[in-house]
Amino acid sequence: VELIQLAPSRWMFQDDSLCSCAQLLS
């Protein structure tokens, strides 16, 4: 939880697993 809350902003990147989950959920 702390990792997510304190993660620095990251602009326009690519990650296949995260993208797949985001696409399916959206």
PDB file of all heavy atoms in Angstrom:
ATOM      1  N   VAL A   1       0.845  -1.199   0.000  1.00  0.00           N
ATOM      2  CA  VAL A   1       0.000   0.000   0.000  1.00  0.00           C
ATOM      3  C   VAL A   1       0.878   1.246   0.000  1.00  0.00           C
ATOM      4  O   VAL A   1       0.669   2.170  -0.793  1.00  0.00           O
ATOM      5  CB  VAL A   1      -0.960   0.007   1.220  1.00  0.00           C
ATOM      6  CG1 VAL A   1      -1.625   1.360   1.388  1.00  0.00           C
ATOM      7  CG2 VAL A   1      -1.997  -1.100   1.091  1.00  0.00           C
ATOM      8  N   GLU A   2       1.892   1.254   0.843  1.00  0.00           N
ATOM      9  CA  GLU A   2       2.797   2.402   0.926  1.00  0.00           C
ATOM     10  C   GLU A   2       3.579   2.589  -0.376  1.00  0.00           C
ATOM     11  O   GLU A   2       3.782   3.724  -0.831  1.00  0.00           O
ATOM     12  CB  GLU A   2       3.753   2.229   2.100  1.00  0.00           C
ATOM     13  CG  GLU A   2       4.609   3.450   2.344  1.00  0.00           C
ATOM     14  CD  GLU A   2       5.481   3.327   3.590  1.00  0.00           C
ATOM     15  OE1 GLU A   2       5.471   2.269   4.257  1.00  0.00           O
ATOM     16  OE2 GLU A   2       6.183   4.305   3.880  1.00  0.00           O
ATOM     17  N   LEU A   3       4.016   1.490  -0.991  1.00  0.00           N
ATOM     18  CA  LEU A   3       4.721   1.585  -2.280  1.00  0.00           C
ATOM     19  C   LEU A   3       3.874   2.317  -3.317  1.00  0.00           C
ATOM     20  O   LEU A   3       4.366   3.189  -4.039  1.00  0.00           O
ATOM     21  CB  LEU A   3       5.042   0.192  -2.823  1.00  0.00           C
ATOM     22  CG  LEU A   3       6.387  -0.411  -2.510  1.00  0.00           C
ATOM     23  CD1 LEU A   3       6.439  -1.855  -2.976  1.00  0.00           C
ATOM     24  CD2 LEU A   3       7.505   0.393  -3.110  1.00  0.00           C
ATOM     25  N   ILE A   4       2.602   1.954  -3.405  1.00  0.00           N
ATOM     26  CA  ILE A   4       1.711   2.591  -4.388  1.00  0.00           C
ATOM     27  C   ILE A   4       1.464   4.049  -4.025  1.00  0.00           C
ATOM     28  O   ILE A   4       1.528   4.930  -4.878  1.00  0.00           O
ATOM     29  CB  ILE A   4       0.385   1.807  -4.504  1.00  0.00           C
ATOM     30  CG1 ILE A   4       0.641   0.450  -5.156  1.00  0.00           C
ATOM     31  CG2 ILE A   4      -0.653   2.605  -5.308  1.00  0.00           C
ATOM     32  CD1 ILE A   4      -0.559  -0.489  -5.154  1.00  0.00           C
ATOM     33  N   GLN A   5       1.200   4.319  -2.758  1.00  0.00           N
ATOM     34  CA  GLN A   5       0.889   5.689  -2.348  1.00  0.00           C
ATOM     35  C   GLN A   5       2.072   6.639  -2.501  1.00  0.00           C
ATOM     36  O   GLN A   5       1.882   7.822  -2.753  1.00  0.00           O
ATOM     37  CB  GLN A   5       0.387   5.703  -0.900  1.00  0.00           C
ATOM     38  CG  GLN A   5      -0.975   5.079  -0.756  1.00  0.00           C
ATOM     39  CD  GLN A   5      -1.440   5.004   0.684  1.00  0.00           C
ATOM     40  OE1 GLN A   5      -0.644   4.880   1.612  1.00  0.00           O
ATOM     41  NE2 GLN A   5      -2.752   5.081   0.859  1.00  0.00           N
ATOM     42  N   LEU A   6       3.289   6.124  -2.351  1.00  0.00           N
ATOM     43  CA  LEU A   6       4.479   6.975  -2.408  1.00  0.00           C
ATOM     44  C   LEU A   6       5.252   6.871  -3.722  1.00  0.00           C
ATOM     45  O   LEU A   6       6.296   7.496  -3.874  1.00  0.00           O
ATOM     46  CB  LEU A   6       5.410   6.648  -1.242  1.00  0.00           C
ATOM     47  CG  LEU A   6       4.820   6.856   0.154  1.00  0.00           C
ATOM     48  CD1 LEU A   6       5.813   6.431   1.221  1.00  0.00           C
ATOM     49  CD2 LEU A   6       4.364   8.288   0.348  1.00  0.00           C
ATOM     50  N   ALA A   7       4.740   6.078  -4.658  1.00  0.00           N
ATOM     51  CA  ALA A   7       5.435   5.911  -5.942  1.00  0.00           C
ATOM     52  C   ALA A   7       5.516   7.254  -6.657  1.00  0.00           C
ATOM     53  O   ALA A   7       4.529   7.996  -6.709  1.00  0.00           O
ATOM     54  CB  ALA A   7       4.711   4.896  -6.809  1.00  0.00           C
ATOM     55  N   PRO A   8       6.671   7.579  -7.207  1.00  0.00           N
ATOM     56  CA  PRO A   8       6.776   8.827  -7.970  1.00  0.00           C
ATOM     57  C   PRO A   8       5.974   8.731  -9.264  1.00  0.00           C
ATOM     58  O   PRO A   8       5.732   7.638  -9.780  1.00  0.00           O
ATOM     59  CB  PRO A   8       8.276   8.942  -8.263  1.00  0.00           C
ATOM     60  CG  PRO A   8       8.784   7.534  -8.192  1.00  0.00           C
ATOM     61  CD  PRO A   8       7.916   6.817  -7.198  1.00  0.00           C
ATOM     62  N   SER A   9       5.568   9.875  -9.760  1.00  0.00           N
ATOM     63  CA  SER A   9       4.861   9.883 -11.043  1.00  0.00           C
ATOM     64  C   SER A   9       5.767   9.303 -12.116  1.00  0.00           C
ATOM     65  O   SER A   9       6.987   9.492 -12.093  1.00  0.00           O
ATOM     66  CB  SER A   9       4.451  11.309 -11.417  1.00  0.00           C
ATOM     67  OG  SER A   9       3.487  11.774 -10.515  1.00  0.00           O
ATOM     68  N   ARG A  10       5.168   8.608 -13.034  1.00  0.00           N
ATOM     69  CA  ARG A  10       5.903   8.013 -14.146  1.00  0.00           C
ATOM     70  C   ARG A  10       5.074   8.259 -15.401  1.00  0.00           C
ATOM     71  O   ARG A  10       3.940   7.813 -15.497  1.00  0.00           O
ATOM     72  CB  ARG A  10       6.097   6.523 -13.900  1.00  0.00           C
ATOM     73  CG  ARG A  10       6.986   5.864 -14.910  1.00  0.00           C
ATOM     74  CD  ARG A  10       7.365   4.475 -14.455  1.00  0.00           C
ATOM     75  NE  ARG A  10       8.029   3.792 -15.541  1.00  0.00           N
ATOM     76  CZ  ARG A  10       8.275   2.511 -15.549  1.00  0.00           C
ATOM     77  NH1 ARG A  10       7.941   1.760 -14.517  1.00  0.00           N
ATOM     78  NH2 ARG A  10       8.870   1.950 -16.568  1.00  0.00           N
ATOM     79  N   TRP A  11       5.648   8.975 -16.343  1.00  0.00           N
ATOM     80  CA  TRP A  11       4.915   9.456 -17.511  1.00  0.00           C
ATOM     81  C   TRP A  11       5.159   8.572 -18.718  1.00  0.00           C
ATOM     82  O   TRP A  11       6.299   8.240 -19.040  1.00  0.00           O
ATOM     83  CB  TRP A  11       5.311  10.896 -17.827  1.00  0.00           C
ATOM     84  CG  TRP A  11       4.977  11.791 -16.681  1.00  0.00           C
ATOM     85  CD1 TRP A  11       5.795  12.125 -15.632  1.00  0.00           C
ATOM     86  CD2 TRP A  11       3.737  12.416 -16.427  1.00  0.00           C
ATOM     87  NE1 TRP A  11       5.119  12.914 -14.753  1.00  0.00           N
ATOM     88  CE2 TRP A  11       3.847  13.120 -15.217  1.00  0.00           C
ATOM     89  CE3 TRP A  11       2.513  12.444 -17.108  1.00  0.00           C
ATOM     90  CZ2 TRP A  11       2.803  13.846 -14.672  1.00  0.00           C
ATOM     91  CZ3 TRP A  11       1.479  13.181 -16.567  1.00  0.00           C
ATOM     92  CH2 TRP A  11       1.625  13.868 -15.365  1.00  0.00           C
ATOM     93  N   MET A  12       4.079   8.206 -19.382  1.00  0.00           N
ATOM     94  CA  MET A  12       4.086   7.521 -20.674  1.00  0.00           C
ATOM     95  C   MET A  12       5.112   6.384 -20.723  1.00  0.00           C
ATOM     96  O   MET A  12       6.130   6.474 -21.371  1.00  0.00           O
ATOM     97  CB  MET A  12       4.288   8.534 -21.787  1.00  0.00           C
ATOM     98  CG  MET A  12       3.131   9.500 -21.844  1.00  0.00           C
ATOM     99  SD  MET A  12       3.119  10.777 -23.107  1.00  0.00           S
ATOM    100  CE  MET A  12       4.229  10.279 -24.337  1.00  0.00           C
ATOM    101  N   PHE A  13       4.774   5.297 -20.045  1.00  0.00           N
ATOM    102  CA  PHE A  13       5.627   4.113 -20.037  1.00  0.00           C
ATOM    103  C   PHE A  13       4.819   2.918 -20.528  1.00  0.00           C
ATOM    104  O   PHE A  13       3.620   3.021 -20.769  1.00  0.00           O
ATOM    105  CB  PHE A  13       6.217   3.853 -18.639  1.00  0.00           C
ATOM    106  CG  PHE A  13       5.211   3.434 -17.597  1.00  0.00           C
ATOM    107  CD1 PHE A  13       5.003   2.104 -17.297  1.00  0.00           C
ATOM    108  CD2 PHE A  13       4.493   4.392 -16.890  1.00  0.00           C
ATOM    109  CE1 PHE A  13       4.080   1.722 -16.329  1.00  0.00           C
ATOM    110  CE2 PHE A  13       3.579   4.023 -15.911  1.00  0.00           C
ATOM    111  CZ  PHE A  13       3.364   2.688 -15.627  1.00  0.00           C
ATOM    112  N   GLN A  14       5.493   1.801 -20.667  1.00  0.00           N
ATOM    113  CA  GLN A  14       4.841   0.599 -21.163  1.00  0.00           C
ATOM    114  C   GLN A  14       5.187  -0.573 -20.252  1.00  0.00           C
ATOM    115  O   GLN A  14       6.330  -0.723 -19.827  1.00  0.00           O
ATOM    116  CB  GLN A  14       5.316   0.316 -22.586  1.00  0.00           C
ATOM    117  CG  GLN A  14       4.431  -0.619 -23.343  1.00  0.00           C
ATOM    118  CD  GLN A  14       4.792  -0.620 -24.818  1.00  0.00           C
ATOM    119  OE1 GLN A  14       5.961  -0.615 -25.177  1.00  0.00           O
ATOM    120  NE2 GLN A  14       3.794  -0.629 -25.669  1.00  0.00           N
ATOM    121  N   ASP A  15       4.187  -1.371 -19.933  1.00  0.00           N
ATOM    122  CA  ASP A  15       4.358  -2.617 -19.190  1.00  0.00           C
ATOM    123  C   ASP A  15       3.247  -3.548 -19.655  1.00  0.00           C
ATOM    124  O   ASP A  15       2.062  -3.219 -19.503  1.00  0.00           O
ATOM    125  CB  ASP A  15       4.277  -2.384 -17.675  1.00  0.00           C
ATOM    126  CG  ASP A  15       4.455  -3.674 -16.907  1.00  0.00           C
ATOM    127  OD1 ASP A  15       5.616  -4.052 -16.660  1.00  0.00           O
ATOM    128  OD2 ASP A  15       3.431  -4.315 -16.585  1.00  0.00           O
ATOM    129  N   ASP A  16       3.598  -4.682 -20.234  1.00  0.00           N
ATOM    130  CA  ASP A  16       2.607  -5.560 -20.849  1.00  0.00           C
ATOM    131  C   ASP A  16       1.575  -6.093 -19.860  1.00  0.00           C
ATOM    132  O   ASP A  16       0.377  -6.098 -20.148  1.00  0.00           O
ATOM    133  CB  ASP A  16       3.292  -6.724 -21.574  1.00  0.00           C
ATOM    134  CG  ASP A  16       4.080  -6.269 -22.792  1.00  0.00           C
ATOM    135  OD1 ASP A  16       3.760  -5.192 -23.341  1.00  0.00           O
ATOM    136  OD2 ASP A  16       5.009  -6.986 -23.202  1.00  0.00           O
ATOM    137  N   SER A  17       2.004  -6.557 -18.689  1.00  0.00           N
ATOM    138  CA  SER A  17       1.064  -7.112 -17.706  1.00  0.00           C
ATOM    139  C   SER A  17       0.107  -6.047 -17.199  1.00  0.00           C
ATOM    140  O   SER A  17      -1.107  -6.256 -17.131  1.00  0.00           O
ATOM    141  CB  SER A  17       1.818  -7.725 -16.527  1.00  0.00           C
ATOM    142  OG  SER A  17       2.592  -8.813 -16.946  1.00  0.00           O
ATOM    143  N   LEU A  18       0.636  -4.905 -16.848  1.00  0.00           N
ATOM    144  CA  LEU A  18      -0.184  -3.815 -16.328  1.00  0.00           C
ATOM    145  C   LEU A  18      -1.140  -3.303 -17.400  1.00  0.00           C
ATOM    146  O   LEU A  18      -2.317  -3.063 -17.143  1.00  0.00           O
ATOM    147  CB  LEU A  18       0.715  -2.687 -15.818  1.00  0.00           C
ATOM    148  CG  LEU A  18       0.065  -1.558 -15.051  1.00  0.00           C
ATOM    149  CD1 LEU A  18      -0.750  -2.064 -13.872  1.00  0.00           C
ATOM    150  CD2 LEU A  18       1.131  -0.582 -14.571  1.00  0.00           C
ATOM    151  N   CYS A  19      -0.673  -3.190 -18.623  1.00  0.00           N
ATOM    152  CA  CYS A  19      -1.514  -2.743 -19.734  1.00  0.00           C
ATOM    153  C   CYS A  19      -2.653  -3.732 -19.999  1.00  0.00           C
ATOM    154  O   CYS A  19      -3.798  -3.326 -20.200  1.00  0.00           O
ATOM    155  CB  CYS A  19      -0.671  -2.544 -20.992  1.00  0.00           C
ATOM    156  SG  CYS A  19      -1.602  -1.888 -22.395  1.00  0.00           S
ATOM    157  N   SER A  20      -2.342  -5.027 -19.980  1.00  0.00           N
ATOM    158  CA  SER A  20      -3.380  -6.038 -20.208  1.00  0.00           C
ATOM    159  C   SER A  20      -4.466  -5.968 -19.148  1.00  0.00           C
ATOM    160  O   SER A  20      -5.659  -5.996 -19.460  1.00  0.00           O
ATOM    161  CB  SER A  20      -2.772  -7.443 -20.215  1.00  0.00           C
ATOM    162  OG  SER A  20      -1.918  -7.596 -21.312  1.00  0.00           O
ATOM    163  N   CYS A  21      -4.071  -5.874 -17.892  1.00  0.00           N
ATOM    164  CA  CYS A  21      -5.050  -5.774 -16.801  1.00  0.00           C
ATOM    165  C   CYS A  21      -5.883  -4.505 -16.939  1.00  0.00           C
ATOM    166  O   CYS A  21      -7.110  -4.535 -16.790  1.00  0.00           O
ATOM    167  CB  CYS A  21      -4.347  -5.776 -15.446  1.00  0.00           C
ATOM    168  SG  CYS A  21      -3.566  -7.336 -15.014  1.00  0.00           S
ATOM    169  N   ALA A  22      -5.229  -3.383 -17.235  1.00  0.00           N
ATOM    170  CA  ALA A  22      -5.940  -2.113 -17.371  1.00  0.00           C
ATOM    171  C   ALA A  22      -6.916  -2.153 -18.547  1.00  0.00           C
ATOM    172  O   ALA A  22      -8.043  -1.667 -18.449  1.00  0.00           O
ATOM    173  CB  ALA A  22      -4.944  -0.966 -17.535  1.00  0.00           C
ATOM    174  N   GLN A  23      -6.499  -2.746 -19.655  1.00  0.00           N
ATOM    175  CA  GLN A  23      -7.375  -2.838 -20.825  1.00  0.00           C
ATOM    176  C   GLN A  23      -8.598  -3.697 -20.519  1.00  0.00           C
ATOM    177  O   GLN A  23      -9.733  -3.313 -20.807  1.00  0.00           O
ATOM    178  CB  GLN A  23      -6.614  -3.400 -22.026  1.00  0.00           C
ATOM    179  CG  GLN A  23      -7.390  -3.374 -23.308  1.00  0.00           C
ATOM    180  CD  GLN A  23      -7.653  -1.971 -23.813  1.00  0.00           C
ATOM    181  OE1 GLN A  23      -6.750  -1.157 -23.907  1.00  0.00           O
ATOM    182  NE2 GLN A  23      -8.890  -1.658 -24.127  1.00  0.00           N
ATOM    183  N   LEU A  24      -8.377  -4.871 -19.930  1.00  0.00           N
ATOM    184  CA  LEU A  24      -9.495  -5.762 -19.597  1.00  0.00           C
ATOM    185  C   LEU A  24     -10.456  -5.104 -18.610  1.00  0.00           C
ATOM    186  O   LEU A  24     -11.672  -5.173 -18.777  1.00  0.00           O
ATOM    187  CB  LEU A  24      -8.975  -7.079 -19.011  1.00  0.00           C
ATOM    188  CG  LEU A  24      -8.337  -8.046 -19.989  1.00  0.00           C
ATOM    189  CD1 LEU A  24      -7.619  -9.173 -19.238  1.00  0.00           C
ATOM    190  CD2 LEU A  24      -9.370  -8.609 -20.947  1.00  0.00           C
ATOM    191  N   LEU A  25      -9.918  -4.466 -17.593  1.00  0.00           N
ATOM    192  CA  LEU A  25     -10.768  -3.840 -16.580  1.00  0.00           C
ATOM    193  C   LEU A  25     -11.517  -2.639 -17.138  1.00  0.00           C
ATOM    194  O   LEU A  25     -12.690  -2.430 -16.828  1.00  0.00           O
ATOM    195  CB  LEU A  25      -9.924  -3.444 -15.374  1.00  0.00           C
ATOM    196  CG  LEU A  25     -10.658  -3.066 -14.101  1.00  0.00           C
ATOM    197  CD1 LEU A  25     -11.616  -4.159 -13.661  1.00  0.00           C
ATOM    198  CD2 LEU A  25      -9.664  -2.760 -12.991  1.00  0.00           C
ATOM    199  N   SER A  26     -10.875  -1.870 -18.008  1.00  0.00           N
ATOM    200  CA  SER A  26     -11.559  -0.703 -18.580  1.00  0.00           C
ATOM    201  C   SER A  26     -12.618  -1.106 -19.607  1.00  0.00           C
ATOM    202  O   SER A  26     -13.573  -0.368 -19.834  1.00  0.00           O
ATOM    203  CB  SER A  26     -10.558   0.274 -19.196  1.00  0.00           C
ATOM    204  OG  SER A  26      -9.885  -0.288 -20.296  1.00  0.00           O
TER     205      SER A  26
END
